């Protein structure tokens, strides 16, 4: 007894469509024969793609790192040629001399509160 014999003659459209689709896919699957070395070939191709993907990623990371380093060095090299006032070493800062002691500073006022 087959599946078709077990079904009633009052199949709905959805049941009939499902049954016909199952039969068609079964017939298609019966006709498919895998090559004996298909797994080995597919695995080799996958491993090759994986190695290539990792190599491309490593090269991309190296390029981005080198580019960021070069941009950073270029930005640091673009400092002004004249010495700045912060680290010039000339003059006094905030009223203190380079050889003076903290006692030489004028007293500060107390905060209003």
N, C-alpha and C. Protein backbone atom coordinates (compact mmCIF):
# COMPACT_ATOMS: atom_id res chain seq x y z
N UNK A 1 0.85 -1.17 0.00
CA UNK A 1 0.00 0.00 0.00
C UNK A 1 0.90 1.24 0.00
N UNK A 2 0.65 2.12 -0.93
CA UNK A 2 1.44 3.34 -1.03
C UNK A 2 0.73 4.49 -0.35
N UNK A 3 1.44 5.61 -0.28
CA UNK A 3 0.87 6.79 0.35
C UNK A 3 -0.37 7.25 -0.41
N UNK A 4 -0.33 7.12 -1.72
CA UNK A 4 -1.45 7.57 -2.54
C UNK A 4 -2.68 6.70 -2.29
N UNK A 5 -2.48 5.41 -2.08
CA UNK A 5 -3.62 4.51 -1.83
C UNK A 5 -4.25 4.79 -0.47
N UNK A 6 -3.46 5.23 0.51
CA UNK A 6 -3.96 5.45 1.86
C UNK A 6 -4.74 6.75 1.97
N UNK A 7 -4.57 7.66 1.04
CA UNK A 7 -5.27 8.94 1.13
C UNK A 7 -6.66 8.81 0.56
N UNK A 8 -7.52 9.61 1.06
CA UNK A 8 -8.89 9.58 0.56
C UNK A 8 -8.99 10.38 -0.73
N UNK A 9 -10.06 10.19 -1.44
CA UNK A 9 -10.24 10.89 -2.70
C UNK A 9 -10.64 12.34 -2.50
N UNK A 10 -10.95 12.71 -1.25
CA UNK A 10 -11.38 14.09 -1.00
C UNK A 10 -10.21 14.93 -0.46
N UNK A 11 -9.03 14.85 -1.14
CA UNK A 11 -7.86 15.66 -0.74
C UNK A 11 -8.17 17.14 -0.94
N UNK A 12 -7.72 17.92 0.02
CA UNK A 12 -7.82 19.36 -0.18
C UNK A 12 -6.68 19.81 -1.07
N UNK A 13 -6.74 21.00 -1.55
CA UNK A 13 -5.71 21.51 -2.45
C UNK A 13 -4.34 21.55 -1.80
N UNK A 14 -4.29 21.93 -0.51
CA UNK A 14 -3.01 22.02 0.19
C UNK A 14 -2.42 20.64 0.41
N UNK A 15 -3.25 19.65 0.77
CA UNK A 15 -2.75 18.29 0.98
C UNK A 15 -2.22 17.70 -0.32
N UNK A 16 -2.95 17.92 -1.40
CA UNK A 16 -2.54 17.39 -2.69
C UNK A 16 -1.22 18.04 -3.14
N UNK A 17 -1.10 19.35 -2.93
CA UNK A 17 0.12 20.05 -3.30
C UNK A 17 1.31 19.54 -2.50
N UNK A 18 1.10 19.34 -1.19
CA UNK A 18 2.17 18.83 -0.33
C UNK A 18 2.59 17.42 -0.76
N UNK A 19 1.63 16.57 -1.08
CA UNK A 19 1.92 15.20 -1.50
C UNK A 19 2.69 15.18 -2.82
N UNK A 20 2.24 15.99 -3.78
CA UNK A 20 2.92 16.03 -5.08
C UNK A 20 4.33 16.60 -4.94
N UNK A 21 4.49 17.59 -4.08
CA UNK A 21 5.81 18.17 -3.86
C UNK A 21 6.74 17.14 -3.21
N UNK A 22 6.22 16.40 -2.23
CA UNK A 22 7.02 15.36 -1.56
C UNK A 22 7.45 14.30 -2.58
N UNK A 23 6.55 13.88 -3.46
CA UNK A 23 6.88 12.88 -4.47
C UNK A 23 7.92 13.41 -5.45
N UNK A 24 7.77 14.65 -5.87
CA UNK A 24 8.71 15.23 -6.82
C UNK A 24 10.10 15.36 -6.20
N UNK A 25 10.16 15.82 -4.95
CA UNK A 25 11.46 15.96 -4.29
C UNK A 25 12.10 14.60 -4.02
N UNK A 26 11.29 13.60 -3.71
CA UNK A 26 11.80 12.25 -3.50
C UNK A 26 12.39 11.69 -4.79
N UNK A 27 11.71 11.90 -5.89
CA UNK A 27 12.21 11.42 -7.18
C UNK A 27 13.50 12.16 -7.55
N UNK A 28 13.57 13.43 -7.26
CA UNK A 28 14.77 14.20 -7.55
C UNK A 28 15.93 13.73 -6.68
N UNK A 29 15.67 13.46 -5.41
CA UNK A 29 16.72 13.01 -4.48
C UNK A 29 17.22 11.63 -4.86
N UNK A 30 16.34 10.78 -5.39
CA UNK A 30 16.77 9.44 -5.79
C UNK A 30 17.73 9.48 -6.97
N UNK A 31 17.62 10.50 -7.79
CA UNK A 31 18.47 10.62 -8.97
C UNK A 31 19.81 11.28 -8.70
N UNK A 32 20.05 11.81 -7.51
CA UNK A 32 21.29 12.51 -7.19
C UNK A 32 22.31 11.50 -6.68
N UNK A 33 23.48 11.50 -7.29
CA UNK A 33 24.57 10.64 -6.85
C UNK A 33 25.78 11.54 -6.58
N UNK A 34 26.31 11.45 -5.38
CA UNK A 34 27.47 12.28 -5.01
C UNK A 34 28.74 11.65 -5.56
N UNK A 35 29.67 12.51 -5.92
CA UNK A 35 30.98 12.03 -6.37
C UNK A 35 31.70 11.41 -5.17
N UNK A 36 32.54 10.41 -5.39
CA UNK A 36 33.19 9.74 -4.26
C UNK A 36 34.10 10.66 -3.44
N UNK A 37 34.73 11.64 -4.08
CA UNK A 37 35.63 12.52 -3.35
C UNK A 37 35.04 13.92 -3.16
N UNK A 38 33.73 14.02 -3.16
CA UNK A 38 33.09 15.33 -3.06
C UNK A 38 33.40 16.01 -1.72
N UNK A 39 33.40 15.24 -0.64
CA UNK A 39 33.66 15.84 0.68
C UNK A 39 35.09 16.37 0.74
N UNK A 40 36.04 15.58 0.26
CA UNK A 40 37.43 16.00 0.31
C UNK A 40 37.65 17.26 -0.54
N UNK A 41 37.03 17.30 -1.70
CA UNK A 41 37.16 18.46 -2.58
C UNK A 41 36.54 19.70 -1.94
N UNK A 42 35.33 19.54 -1.40
CA UNK A 42 34.65 20.68 -0.78
C UNK A 42 35.43 21.17 0.44
N UNK A 43 35.96 20.24 1.23
CA UNK A 43 36.73 20.63 2.42
C UNK A 43 38.01 21.35 2.02
N UNK A 44 38.68 20.87 0.98
CA UNK A 44 39.90 21.53 0.50
C UNK A 44 39.62 22.94 0.02
N UNK A 45 38.54 23.11 -0.71
CA UNK A 45 38.17 24.45 -1.18
C UNK A 45 37.84 25.36 0.00
N UNK A 46 37.13 24.82 0.98
CA UNK A 46 36.78 25.62 2.15
C UNK A 46 38.02 26.04 2.92
N UNK A 47 38.97 25.10 3.11
CA UNK A 47 40.20 25.44 3.82
C UNK A 47 41.02 26.48 3.06
N UNK A 48 41.05 26.37 1.74
CA UNK A 48 41.75 27.36 0.92
C UNK A 48 41.13 28.74 1.08
N UNK A 49 39.80 28.78 1.03
CA UNK A 49 39.12 30.08 1.21
C UNK A 49 39.36 30.64 2.60
N UNK A 50 39.37 29.76 3.61
CA UNK A 50 39.61 30.22 4.99
C UNK A 50 41.03 30.77 5.14
N UNK A 51 42.02 30.11 4.57
CA UNK A 51 43.39 30.62 4.62
C UNK A 51 43.50 31.96 3.92
N UNK A 52 42.86 32.07 2.77
CA UNK A 52 42.91 33.33 2.02
C UNK A 52 42.22 34.45 2.79
N UNK A 53 41.08 34.14 3.42
CA UNK A 53 40.36 35.13 4.20
C UNK A 53 41.21 35.62 5.37
N UNK A 54 41.90 34.70 6.04
CA UNK A 54 42.76 35.10 7.16
C UNK A 54 43.95 35.91 6.69
N UNK A 55 44.53 35.54 5.55
CA UNK A 55 45.65 36.30 5.02
C UNK A 55 45.23 37.72 4.63
N UNK A 56 44.09 37.84 3.98
CA UNK A 56 43.58 39.17 3.61
C UNK A 56 43.32 40.01 4.86
N UNK A 57 42.74 39.39 5.89
CA UNK A 57 42.48 40.12 7.13
C UNK A 57 43.78 40.57 7.79
N UNK A 58 44.81 39.71 7.82
CA UNK A 58 46.09 40.08 8.41
C UNK A 58 46.74 41.23 7.64
N UNK A 59 46.69 41.18 6.32
CA UNK A 59 47.26 42.26 5.51
C UNK A 59 46.48 43.56 5.73
N UNK A 60 45.17 43.46 5.81
CA UNK A 60 44.35 44.65 6.05
C UNK A 60 44.67 45.27 7.41
N UNK A 61 44.82 44.45 8.44
CA UNK A 61 45.17 44.96 9.76
C UNK A 61 46.54 45.63 9.73
N UNK A 62 47.51 45.03 9.05
CA UNK A 62 48.85 45.62 8.95
C UNK A 62 48.81 46.95 8.23
N UNK A 63 48.04 47.03 7.16
CA UNK A 63 47.93 48.29 6.40
C UNK A 63 47.28 49.38 7.25
N UNK A 64 46.21 49.04 7.95
CA UNK A 64 45.54 50.04 8.79
C UNK A 64 46.47 50.50 9.91
N UNK A 65 47.21 49.57 10.53
CA UNK A 65 48.14 49.94 11.59
C UNK A 65 49.25 50.84 11.06
N UNK A 66 49.83 50.48 9.92
CA UNK A 66 50.89 51.29 9.33
C UNK A 66 50.36 52.67 8.95
N UNK A 67 49.18 52.73 8.38
CA UNK A 67 48.60 54.01 8.00
C UNK A 67 48.33 54.88 9.22
N UNK A 68 47.79 54.30 10.29
CA UNK A 68 47.55 55.06 11.51
C UNK A 68 48.86 55.57 12.11
N UNK A 69 49.89 54.74 12.08
CA UNK A 69 51.20 55.17 12.59
C UNK A 69 51.76 56.32 11.76
N UNK A 70 51.68 56.20 10.45
CA UNK A 70 52.19 57.27 9.58
C UNK A 70 51.41 58.57 9.78
N UNK A 71 50.11 58.48 9.89
CA UNK A 71 49.30 59.69 10.12
C UNK A 71 49.66 60.30 11.45
N UNK A 72 49.83 59.49 12.49
CA UNK A 72 50.22 60.01 13.80
C UNK A 72 51.57 60.70 13.76
N UNK A 73 52.54 60.09 13.09
CA UNK A 73 53.86 60.72 12.98
C UNK A 73 53.79 62.01 12.17
N UNK A 74 52.99 62.02 11.14
CA UNK A 74 52.85 63.23 10.32
C UNK A 74 52.23 64.36 11.14
N UNK A 75 51.22 64.04 11.94
CA UNK A 75 50.58 65.06 12.78
C UNK A 75 51.55 65.57 13.83
N UNK A 76 52.30 64.68 14.44
CA UNK A 76 53.28 65.11 15.45
C UNK A 76 54.40 65.94 14.83
N UNK A 77 54.72 65.69 13.58
CA UNK A 77 55.79 66.42 12.91
C UNK A 77 55.35 67.81 12.46
N UNK A 78 54.07 68.07 12.46
CA UNK A 78 53.57 69.37 12.01
C UNK A 78 53.47 70.38 13.14
N UNK A 79 54.28 70.24 14.18
CA UNK A 79 54.27 71.21 15.28
C UNK A 79 54.89 72.50 14.80
N UNK A 80 54.53 73.64 15.41
CA UNK A 80 55.10 74.92 14.98
C UNK A 80 56.61 74.96 15.24
N UNK A 81 57.33 75.70 14.40
CA UNK A 81 58.79 75.79 14.51
C UNK A 81 59.20 76.67 15.69
N UNK A 82 58.42 77.71 16.01
CA UNK A 82 58.80 78.58 17.12
C UNK A 82 58.45 77.90 18.44
N UNK A 83 59.28 78.12 19.48
CA UNK A 83 59.00 77.48 20.77
C UNK A 83 57.74 78.06 21.40
N UNK A 84 56.98 77.22 22.03
CA UNK A 84 55.75 77.67 22.67
C UNK A 84 56.03 78.31 24.01
N UNK A 85 55.04 78.91 24.62
CA UNK A 85 55.22 79.59 25.89
C UNK A 85 55.16 78.62 27.07
N UNK A 86 54.66 77.45 26.87
CA UNK A 86 54.49 76.54 27.99
C UNK A 86 55.83 75.95 28.41
N UNK A 87 56.62 75.47 27.45
CA UNK A 87 57.88 74.82 27.78
C UNK A 87 59.08 75.61 27.28
N UNK A 88 58.96 76.91 27.20
CA UNK A 88 60.06 77.70 26.67
C UNK A 88 61.20 77.83 27.66
N UNK A 89 60.93 77.76 28.96
CA UNK A 89 61.98 77.88 29.96
C UNK A 89 62.38 79.32 30.24
N UNK A 90 61.73 80.27 29.64
CA UNK A 90 62.05 81.68 29.87
C UNK A 90 60.93 82.31 30.66
N UNK A 91 61.29 83.25 31.51
CA UNK A 91 60.28 83.98 32.27
C UNK A 91 59.83 83.22 33.49
N UNK A 92 58.91 83.82 34.23
CA UNK A 92 58.38 83.20 35.43
C UNK A 92 56.95 82.76 35.17
N UNK A 93 56.54 81.76 35.91
CA UNK A 93 55.19 81.23 35.72
C UNK A 93 54.38 81.53 36.96
N UNK A 94 53.27 82.17 36.82
CA UNK A 94 52.33 82.46 37.90
C UNK A 94 52.98 83.20 39.06
N UNK A 95 53.90 84.08 38.75
CA UNK A 95 54.48 84.93 39.79
C UNK A 95 55.60 84.27 40.57
N UNK A 96 56.02 83.07 40.23
CA UNK A 96 57.10 82.40 40.96
C UNK A 96 58.35 82.42 40.10
N UNK A 97 59.50 82.54 40.72
CA UNK A 97 60.75 82.48 39.98
C UNK A 97 61.24 81.04 39.98
N UNK A 98 62.16 80.76 39.07
CA UNK A 98 62.67 79.41 38.98
C UNK A 98 63.52 79.05 40.20
N UNK A 99 64.13 80.06 40.85
CA UNK A 99 64.98 79.79 42.00
C UNK A 99 64.29 80.12 43.31
N UNK A 100 63.08 80.64 43.25
CA UNK A 100 62.38 81.06 44.45
C UNK A 100 61.76 79.90 45.20
N UNK A 101 61.34 80.17 46.42
CA UNK A 101 60.68 79.15 47.23
C UNK A 101 59.20 79.48 47.31
N UNK A 102 58.39 78.54 47.74
CA UNK A 102 56.96 78.81 47.83
C UNK A 102 56.63 79.95 48.80
N UNK A 103 57.53 80.23 49.74
CA UNK A 103 57.28 81.34 50.68
C UNK A 103 57.35 82.69 50.00
N UNK A 104 57.98 82.75 48.81
CA UNK A 104 58.10 84.02 48.10
C UNK A 104 56.81 84.41 47.40
N UNK A 105 55.85 83.51 47.29
CA UNK A 105 54.60 83.80 46.59
C UNK A 105 53.71 84.68 47.47
N UNK A 106 52.96 85.57 46.85
CA UNK A 106 52.04 86.40 47.65
C UNK A 106 50.88 85.53 48.15
N UNK A 107 50.35 85.85 49.34
CA UNK A 107 49.24 85.05 49.85
C UNK A 107 48.01 85.25 48.99
N UNK A 108 47.23 84.21 48.89
CA UNK A 108 46.00 84.29 48.10
C UNK A 108 44.85 84.61 49.03
N UNK A 109 43.86 85.22 48.47
CA UNK A 109 42.70 85.60 49.27
C UNK A 109 41.82 84.38 49.53
N UNK A 110 41.06 84.43 50.61
CA UNK A 110 40.17 83.30 50.91
C UNK A 110 38.96 83.38 50.00
N UNK A 111 38.42 82.29 49.64
CA UNK A 111 37.24 82.33 48.77
C UNK A 111 36.03 82.91 49.50
N UNK A 112 35.25 83.67 48.78
CA UNK A 112 34.07 84.28 49.37
C UNK A 112 33.06 83.18 49.60
N UNK A 113 32.49 83.15 50.75
CA UNK A 113 31.58 82.05 50.98
C UNK A 113 30.65 82.32 52.00
